Amino acid sequence: MLTQIASDLRERFDFAALWFHKKCEPDANSLLDEHAIVDLTDDETRAVKILETLRDTIDAIPPSLIKRDGETSRRYAGIV
């Protein structure tokens, strides 16, 4: 169970970081030049770095905290 929760956290952090990068890709249907490159803002770049740091440090989370988080998630699963 602990491995599954840690893996799920990694995946969520990766997905969130990817979301920022995907929004910078040019949209083929947009009115912008298809070769236009949209960069991340400074705030978005910081957010991506935070997400990547969180992902990379999941192994440092004490197993007792992961276990407690899993129990809390099951208890309140219907609320969110």
PDB file of N, CA and C in Angstrom:
ATOM      1  N   MET A   1       0.826  -1.189   0.000  1.00  0.00           N
ATOM      2  CA  MET A   1       0.000   0.000   0.000  1.00  0.00           C
ATOM      3  C   MET A   1       0.877   1.262   0.000  1.00  0.00           C
ATOM      4  N   LEU A   2       1.933   1.285   0.817  1.00  0.00           N
ATOM      5  CA  LEU A   2       2.788   2.467   0.890  1.00  0.00           C
ATOM      6  C   LEU A   2       3.464   2.751  -0.443  1.00  0.00           C
ATOM      7  N   THR A   3       3.898   1.689  -1.109  1.00  0.00           N
ATOM      8  CA  THR A   3       4.535   1.854  -2.410  1.00  0.00           C
ATOM      9  C   THR A   3       3.548   2.426  -3.422  1.00  0.00           C
ATOM     10  N   GLN A   4       2.309   1.977  -3.342  1.00  0.00           N
ATOM     11  CA  GLN A   4       1.277   2.453  -4.262  1.00  0.00           C
ATOM     12  C   GLN A   4       0.989   3.942  -4.032  1.00  0.00           C
ATOM     13  N   ILE A   5       0.928   4.354  -2.777  1.00  0.00           N
ATOM     14  CA  ILE A   5       0.666   5.761  -2.472  1.00  0.00           C
ATOM     15  C   ILE A   5       1.822   6.632  -2.960  1.00  0.00           C
ATOM     16  N   ALA A   6       3.061   6.197  -2.700  1.00  0.00           N
ATOM     17  CA  ALA A   6       4.234   6.959  -3.161  1.00  0.00           C
ATOM     18  C   ALA A   6       4.259   7.053  -4.682  1.00  0.00           C
ATOM     19  N   SER A   7       3.940   5.959  -5.339  1.00  0.00           N
ATOM     20  CA  SER A   7       3.905   5.951  -6.802  1.00  0.00           C
ATOM     21  C   SER A   7       2.823   6.899  -7.327  1.00  0.00           C
ATOM     22  N   ASP A   8       1.675   6.895  -6.660  1.00  0.00           N
ATOM     23  CA  ASP A   8       0.579   7.776  -7.045  1.00  0.00           C
ATOM     24  C   ASP A   8       0.979   9.247  -6.873  1.00  0.00           C
ATOM     25  N   LEU A   9       1.669   9.557  -5.785  1.00  0.00           N
ATOM     26  CA  LEU A   9       2.129  10.926  -5.573  1.00  0.00           C
ATOM     27  C   LEU A   9       3.095  11.361  -6.671  1.00  0.00           C
ATOM     28  N   ARG A  10       4.043  10.483  -7.006  1.00  0.00           N
ATOM     29  CA  ARG A  10       5.002  10.807  -8.080  1.00  0.00           C
ATOM     30  C   ARG A  10       4.263  11.118  -9.380  1.00  0.00           C
ATOM     31  N   GLU A  11       3.289  10.267  -9.694  1.00  0.00           N
ATOM     32  CA  GLU A  11       2.525  10.439 -10.932  1.00  0.00           C
ATOM     33  C   GLU A  11       1.754  11.761 -10.933  1.00  0.00           C
ATOM     34  N   ARG A  12       1.189  12.114  -9.795  1.00  0.00           N
ATOM     35  CA  ARG A  12       0.428  13.364  -9.706  1.00  0.00           C
ATOM     36  C   ARG A  12       1.330  14.580  -9.862  1.00  0.00           C
ATOM     37  N   PHE A  13       2.517  14.543  -9.240  1.00  0.00           N
ATOM     38  CA  PHE A  13       3.454  15.655  -9.383  1.00  0.00           C
ATOM     39  C   PHE A  13       3.935  15.762 -10.831  1.00  0.00           C
ATOM     40  N   ASP A  14       4.209  14.625 -11.460  1.00  0.00           N
ATOM     41  CA  ASP A  14       4.621  14.633 -12.870  1.00  0.00           C
ATOM     42  C   ASP A  14       3.524  15.208 -13.760  1.00  0.00           C
ATOM     43  N   PHE A  15       2.281  14.786 -13.515  1.00  0.00           N
ATOM     44  CA  PHE A  15       1.168  15.259 -14.325  1.00  0.00           C
ATOM     45  C   PHE A  15       0.996  16.768 -14.177  1.00  0.00           C
ATOM     46  N   ALA A  16       1.101  17.272 -12.950  1.00  0.00           N
ATOM     47  CA  ALA A  16       0.941  18.703 -12.717  1.00  0.00           C
ATOM     48  C   ALA A  16       2.042  19.496 -13.428  1.00  0.00           C
ATOM     49  N   ALA A  17       3.281  19.010 -13.360  1.00  0.00           N
ATOM     50  CA  ALA A  17       4.380  19.690 -14.058  1.00  0.00           C
ATOM     51  C   ALA A  17       4.163  19.635 -15.570  1.00  0.00           C
ATOM     52  N   LEU A  18       3.712  18.493 -16.068  1.00  0.00           N
ATOM     53  CA  LEU A  18       3.453  18.345 -17.495  1.00  0.00           C
ATOM     54  C   LEU A  18       2.363  19.309 -17.963  1.00  0.00           C
ATOM     55  N   TRP A  19       1.379  19.554 -17.110  1.00  0.00           N
ATOM     56  CA  TRP A  19       0.297  20.473 -17.458  1.00  0.00           C
ATOM     57  C   TRP A  19       0.860  21.845 -17.813  1.00  0.00           C
ATOM     58  N   PHE A  20       1.821  22.321 -17.009  1.00  0.00           N
ATOM     59  CA  PHE A  20       2.425  23.619 -17.298  1.00  0.00           C
ATOM     60  C   PHE A  20       3.151  23.607 -18.643  1.00  0.00           C
ATOM     61  N   HIS A  21       3.884  22.521 -18.905  1.00  0.00           N
ATOM     62  CA  HIS A  21       4.627  22.446 -20.161  1.00  0.00           C
ATOM     63  C   HIS A  21       3.694  22.318 -21.368  1.00  0.00           C
ATOM     64  N   LYS A  22       2.624  21.557 -21.214  1.00  0.00           N
ATOM     65  CA  LYS A  22       1.678  21.368 -22.322  1.00  0.00           C
ATOM     66  C   LYS A  22       0.997  22.670 -22.701  1.00  0.00           C
ATOM     67  N   LYS A  23       0.727  23.529 -21.725  1.00  0.00           N
ATOM     68  CA  LYS A  23       0.036  24.774 -22.056  1.00  0.00           C
ATOM     69  C   LYS A  23       0.930  25.712 -22.860  1.00  0.00           C
ATOM     70  N   CYS A  24       2.213  25.412 -22.900  1.00  0.00           N
ATOM     71  CA  CYS A  24       3.152  26.230 -23.680  1.00  0.00           C
ATOM     72  C   CYS A  24       3.295  25.737 -25.115  1.00  0.00           C
ATOM     73  N   GLU A  25       2.759  24.564 -25.410  1.00  0.00           N
ATOM     74  CA  GLU A  25       2.851  24.054 -26.773  1.00  0.00           C
ATOM     75  C   GLU A  25       1.893  24.823 -27.675  1.00  0.00           C
ATOM     76  N   PRO A  26       2.325  25.124 -28.883  1.00  0.00           N
ATOM     77  CA  PRO A  26       1.440  25.853 -29.794  1.00  0.00           C
ATOM     78  C   PRO A  26       0.208  25.017 -30.157  1.00  0.00           C
ATOM     79  N   ASP A  27      -0.912  25.686 -30.250  1.00  0.00           N
ATOM     80  CA  ASP A  27      -2.165  25.045 -30.636  1.00  0.00           C
ATOM     81  C   ASP A  27      -2.319  25.191 -32.147  1.00  0.00           C
ATOM     82  N   ALA A  28      -2.473  24.086 -32.830  1.00  0.00           N
ATOM     83  CA  ALA A  28      -2.590  24.107 -34.294  1.00  0.00           C
ATOM     84  C   ALA A  28      -3.802  24.914 -34.755  1.00  0.00           C
ATOM     85  N   ASN A  29      -4.813  25.045 -33.902  1.00  0.00           N
ATOM     86  CA  ASN A  29      -6.028  25.768 -34.276  1.00  0.00           C
ATOM     87  C   ASN A  29      -6.009  27.230 -33.842  1.00  0.00           C
ATOM     88  N   SER A  30      -4.926  27.675 -33.219  1.00  0.00           N
ATOM     89  CA  SER A  30      -4.895  29.052 -32.729  1.00  0.00           C
ATOM     90  C   SER A  30      -4.558  30.013 -33.866  1.00  0.00           C
ATOM     91  N   LEU A  31      -4.778  31.270 -33.594  1.00  0.00           N
ATOM     92  CA  LEU A  31      -4.483  32.297 -34.586  1.00  0.00           C
ATOM     93  C   LEU A  31      -3.015  32.699 -34.562  1.00  0.00           C
ATOM     94  N   LEU A  32      -2.271  32.217 -33.575  1.00  0.00           N
ATOM     95  CA  LEU A  32      -0.848  32.515 -33.494  1.00  0.00           C
ATOM     96  C   LEU A  32      -0.086  31.770 -34.578  1.00  0.00           C
ATOM     97  N   ASP A  33       1.043  32.292 -34.932  1.00  0.00           N
ATOM     98  CA  ASP A  33       1.938  31.609 -35.862  1.00  0.00           C
ATOM     99  C   ASP A  33       2.222  30.222 -35.289  1.00  0.00           C
ATOM    100  N   GLU A  34       2.088  29.201 -36.101  1.00  0.00           N
ATOM    101  CA  GLU A  34       2.255  27.833 -35.593  1.00  0.00           C
ATOM    102  C   GLU A  34       3.658  27.570 -35.075  1.00  0.00           C
ATOM    103  N   HIS A  35       4.602  28.425 -35.415  1.00  0.00           N
ATOM    104  CA  HIS A  35       5.963  28.246 -34.936  1.00  0.00           C
ATOM    105  C   HIS A  35       6.264  29.107 -33.708  1.00  0.00           C
ATOM    106  N   ALA A  36       5.254  29.834 -33.229  1.00  0.00           N
ATOM    107  CA  ALA A  36       5.459  30.684 -32.059  1.00  0.00           C
ATOM    108  C   ALA A  36       5.727  29.813 -30.828  1.00  0.00           C
ATOM    109  N   ILE A  37       6.679  30.222 -30.035  1.00  0.00           N
ATOM    110  CA  ILE A  37       7.016  29.491 -28.820  1.00  0.00           C
ATOM    111  C   ILE A  37       6.560  30.333 -27.636  1.00  0.00           C
ATOM    112  N   VAL A  38       5.788  29.717 -26.769  1.00  0.00           N
ATOM    113  CA  VAL A  38       5.307  30.397 -25.582  1.00  0.00           C
ATOM    114  C   VAL A  38       6.094  29.840 -24.395  1.00  0.00           C
ATOM    115  N   ASP A  39       6.797  30.709 -23.694  1.00  0.00           N
ATOM    116  CA  ASP A  39       7.595  30.276 -22.552  1.00  0.00           C
ATOM    117  C   ASP A  39       6.765  30.302 -21.272  1.00  0.00           C
ATOM    118  N   LEU A  40       7.225  29.528 -20.306  1.00  0.00           N
ATOM    119  CA  LEU A  40       6.615  29.579 -18.983  1.00  0.00           C
ATOM    120  C   LEU A  40       6.937  30.924 -18.343  1.00  0.00           C
ATOM    121  N   THR A  41       5.998  31.436 -17.565  1.00  0.00           N
ATOM    122  CA  THR A  41       6.278  32.650 -16.798  1.00  0.00           C
ATOM    123  C   THR A  41       7.220  32.284 -15.654  1.00  0.00           C
ATOM    124  N   ASP A  42       7.756  33.280 -14.987  1.00  0.00           N
ATOM    125  CA  ASP A  42       8.628  33.017 -13.842  1.00  0.00           C
ATOM    126  C   ASP A  42       7.898  32.228 -12.759  1.00  0.00           C
ATOM    127  N   ASP A  43       6.637  32.589 -12.497  1.00  0.00           N
ATOM    128  CA  ASP A  43       5.855  31.871 -11.486  1.00  0.00           C
ATOM    129  C   ASP A  43       5.608  30.419 -11.894  1.00  0.00           C
ATOM    130  N   GLU A  44       5.321  30.213 -13.164  1.00  0.00           N
ATOM    131  CA  GLU A  44       5.093  28.844 -13.649  1.00  0.00           C
ATOM    132  C   GLU A  44       6.377  28.023 -13.576  1.00  0.00           C
ATOM    133  N   THR A  45       7.497  28.633 -13.903  1.00  0.00           N
ATOM    134  CA  THR A  45       8.780  27.938 -13.822  1.00  0.00           C
ATOM    135  C   THR A  45       9.071  27.529 -12.383  1.00  0.00           C
ATOM    136  N   ARG A  46       8.808  28.443 -11.438  1.00  0.00           N
ATOM    137  CA  ARG A  46       8.992  28.115 -10.016  1.00  0.00           C
ATOM    138  C   ARG A  46       8.070  26.973  -9.595  1.00  0.00           C
ATOM    139  N   ALA A  47       6.829  27.011 -10.061  1.00  0.00           N
ATOM    140  CA  ALA A  47       5.871  25.956  -9.713  1.00  0.00           C
ATOM    141  C   ALA A  47       6.346  24.598 -10.225  1.00  0.00           C
ATOM    142  N   VAL A  48       6.853  24.564 -11.447  1.00  0.00           N
ATOM    143  CA  VAL A  48       7.360  23.308 -12.015  1.00  0.00           C
ATOM    144  C   VAL A  48       8.542  22.799 -11.195  1.00  0.00           C
ATOM    145  N   LYS A  49       9.444  23.694 -10.811  1.00  0.00           N
ATOM    146  CA  LYS A  49      10.592  23.281  -9.997  1.00  0.00           C
ATOM    147  C   LYS A  49      10.151  22.726  -8.646  1.00  0.00           C
ATOM    148  N   ILE A  50       9.143  23.350  -8.046  1.00  0.00           N
ATOM    149  CA  ILE A  50       8.608  22.851  -6.770  1.00  0.00           C
ATOM    150  C   ILE A  50       8.016  21.462  -6.952  1.00  0.00           C
ATOM    151  N   LEU A  51       7.212  21.293  -7.998  1.00  0.00           N
ATOM    152  CA  LEU A  51       6.601  19.992  -8.261  1.00  0.00           C
ATOM    153  C   LEU A  51       7.658  18.919  -8.493  1.00  0.00           C
ATOM    154  N   GLU A  52       8.714  19.254  -9.246  1.00  0.00           N
ATOM    155  CA  GLU A  52       9.779  18.286  -9.505  1.00  0.00           C
ATOM    156  C   GLU A  52      10.541  17.956  -8.227  1.00  0.00           C
ATOM    157  N   THR A  53      10.761  18.945  -7.371  1.00  0.00           N
ATOM    158  CA  THR A  53      11.431  18.699  -6.090  1.00  0.00           C
ATOM    159  C   THR A  53      10.578  17.811  -5.200  1.00  0.00           C
ATOM    160  N   LEU A  54       9.286  18.084  -5.150  1.00  0.00           N
ATOM    161  CA  LEU A  54       8.380  17.238  -4.362  1.00  0.00           C
ATOM    162  C   LEU A  54       8.416  15.795  -4.873  1.00  0.00           C
ATOM    163  N   ARG A  55       8.356  15.644  -6.191  1.00  0.00           N
ATOM    164  CA  ARG A  55       8.408  14.304  -6.786  1.00  0.00           C
ATOM    165  C   ARG A  55       9.703  13.590  -6.415  1.00  0.00           C
ATOM    166  N   ASP A  56      10.808  14.313  -6.490  1.00  0.00           N
ATOM    167  CA  ASP A  56      12.112  13.702  -6.248  1.00  0.00           C
ATOM    168  C   ASP A  56      12.390  13.401  -4.779  1.00  0.00           C
ATOM    169  N   THR A  57      11.589  13.964  -3.876  1.00  0.00           N
ATOM    170  CA  THR A  57      11.843  13.760  -2.446  1.00  0.00           C
ATOM    171  C   THR A  57      10.783  12.898  -1.757  1.00  0.00           C
ATOM    172  N   ILE A  58       9.951  12.259  -2.521  1.00  0.00           N
ATOM    173  CA  ILE A  58       8.908  11.420  -1.940  1.00  0.00           C
ATOM    174  C   ILE A  58       9.497  10.316  -1.066  1.00  0.00           C
ATOM    175  N   ASP A  59      10.646   9.785  -1.466  1.00  0.00           N
ATOM    176  CA  ASP A  59      11.253   8.708  -0.678  1.00  0.00           C
ATOM    177  C   ASP A  59      11.669   9.168   0.717  1.00  0.00           C
ATOM    178  N   ALA A  60      11.774  10.479   0.930  1.00  0.00           N
ATOM    179  CA  ALA A  60      12.151  11.005   2.246  1.00  0.00           C
ATOM    180  C   ALA A  60      10.953  11.113   3.193  1.00  0.00           C
ATOM    181  N   ILE A  61       9.749  10.910   2.677  1.00  0.00           N
ATOM    182  CA  ILE A  61       8.554  10.984   3.525  1.00  0.00           C
ATOM    183  C   ILE A  61       8.526   9.742   4.416  1.00  0.00           C
ATOM    184  N   PRO A  62       8.398   9.926   5.727  1.00  0.00           N
ATOM    185  CA  PRO A  62       8.351   8.776   6.627  1.00  0.00           C
ATOM    186  C   PRO A  62       7.157   7.865   6.303  1.00  0.00           C
ATOM    187  N   PRO A  63       7.373   6.552   6.302  1.00  0.00           N
ATOM    188  CA  PRO A  63       6.281   5.619   6.008  1.00  0.00           C
ATOM    189  C   PRO A  63       5.058   5.823   6.900  1.00  0.00           C
ATOM    190  N   SER A  64       5.271   6.221   8.144  1.00  0.00           N
ATOM    191  CA  SER A  64       4.127   6.435   9.046  1.00  0.00           C
ATOM    192  C   SER A  64       3.236   7.571   8.545  1.00  0.00           C
ATOM    193  N   LEU A  65       3.840   8.594   7.966  1.00  0.00           N
ATOM    194  CA  LEU A  65       3.068   9.711   7.432  1.00  0.00           C
ATOM    195  C   LEU A  65       2.305   9.294   6.175  1.00  0.00           C
ATOM    196  N   ILE A  66       2.929   8.505   5.334  1.00  0.00           N
ATOM    197  CA  ILE A  66       2.249   8.008   4.126  1.00  0.00           C
ATOM    198  C   ILE A  66       1.078   7.120   4.532  1.00  0.00           C
ATOM    199  N   LYS A  67       1.289   6.277   5.527  1.00  0.00           N
ATOM    200  CA  LYS A  67       0.222   5.386   5.992  1.00  0.00           C
ATOM    201  C   LYS A  67      -0.943   6.209   6.536  1.00  0.00           C
ATOM    202  N   ARG A  68      -0.639   7.230   7.338  1.00  0.00           N
ATOM    203  CA  ARG A  68      -1.697   8.068   7.910  1.00  0.00           C
ATOM    204  C   ARG A  68      -2.446   8.798   6.806  1.00  0.00           C
ATOM    205  N   ASP A  69      -1.721   9.262   5.782  1.00  0.00           N
ATOM    206  CA  ASP A  69      -2.359   9.942   4.656  1.00  0.00           C
ATOM    207  C   ASP A  69      -3.305   8.995   3.922  1.00  0.00           C
ATOM    208  N   GLY A  70      -2.875   7.754   3.731  1.00  0.00           N
ATOM    209  CA  GLY A  70      -3.722   6.768   3.069  1.00  0.00           C
ATOM    210  C   GLY A  70      -4.993   6.493   3.840  1.00  0.00           C
ATOM    211  N   GLU A  71      -4.874   6.422   5.158  1.00  0.00           N
ATOM    212  CA  GLU A  71      -6.049   6.191   6.000  1.00  0.00           C
ATOM    213  C   GLU A  71      -6.998   7.388   5.935  1.00  0.00           C
ATOM    214  N   THR A  72      -6.443   8.591   5.955  1.00  0.00           N
ATOM    215  CA  THR A  72      -7.258   9.808   5.863  1.00  0.00           C
ATOM    216  C   THR A  72      -7.962   9.878   4.512  1.00  0.00           C
ATOM    217  N   SER A  73      -7.252   9.533   3.453  1.00  0.00           N
ATOM    218  CA  SER A  73      -7.859   9.562   2.113  1.00  0.00           C
ATOM    219  C   SER A  73      -9.038   8.617   2.009  1.00  0.00           C
ATOM    220  N   ARG A  74      -8.895   7.429   2.583  1.00  0.00           N
ATOM    221  CA  ARG A  74     -10.015   6.457   2.538  1.00  0.00           C
ATOM    222  C   ARG A  74     -11.201   6.957   3.374  1.00  0.00           C
ATOM    223  N   ARG A  75     -10.909   7.566   4.501  1.00  0.00           N
ATOM    224  CA  ARG A  75     -11.970   8.030   5.389  1.00  0.00           C
ATOM    225  C   ARG A  75     -12.806   9.127   4.721  1.00  0.00           C
ATOM    226  N   TYR A  76     -12.168   9.998   3.966  1.00  0.00           N
ATOM    227  CA  TYR A  76     -12.866  11.137   3.380  1.00  0.00           C
ATOM    228  C   TYR A  76     -13.008  11.020   1.859  1.00  0.00           C
ATOM    229  N   ALA A  77     -12.932   9.847   1.337  1.00  0.00           N
ATOM    230  CA  ALA A  77     -12.966   9.631  -0.118  1.00  0.00           C
ATOM    231  C   ALA A  77     -14.234  10.183  -0.773  1.00  0.00           C
ATOM    232  N   GLY A  78     -15.353  10.103  -0.119  1.00  0.00           N
ATOM    233  CA  GLY A  78     -16.612  10.547  -0.718  1.00  0.00           C
ATOM    234  C   GLY A  78     -16.797  12.043  -0.724  1.00  0.00           C
ATOM    235  N   ILE A  79     -15.969  12.759   0.033  1.00  0.00           N
ATOM    236  CA  ILE A  79     -16.143  14.206   0.151  1.00  0.00           C
ATOM    237  C   ILE A  79     -15.537  14.940  -1.025  1.00  0.00           C
ATOM    238  N   VAL A  80     -14.376  14.497  -1.485  1.00  0.00           N
ATOM    239  CA  VAL A  80     -13.666  15.218  -2.554  1.00  0.00           C
ATOM    240  C   VAL A  80     -14.092  14.738  -3.901  1.00  0.00           C
TER     241      VAL A  80
END
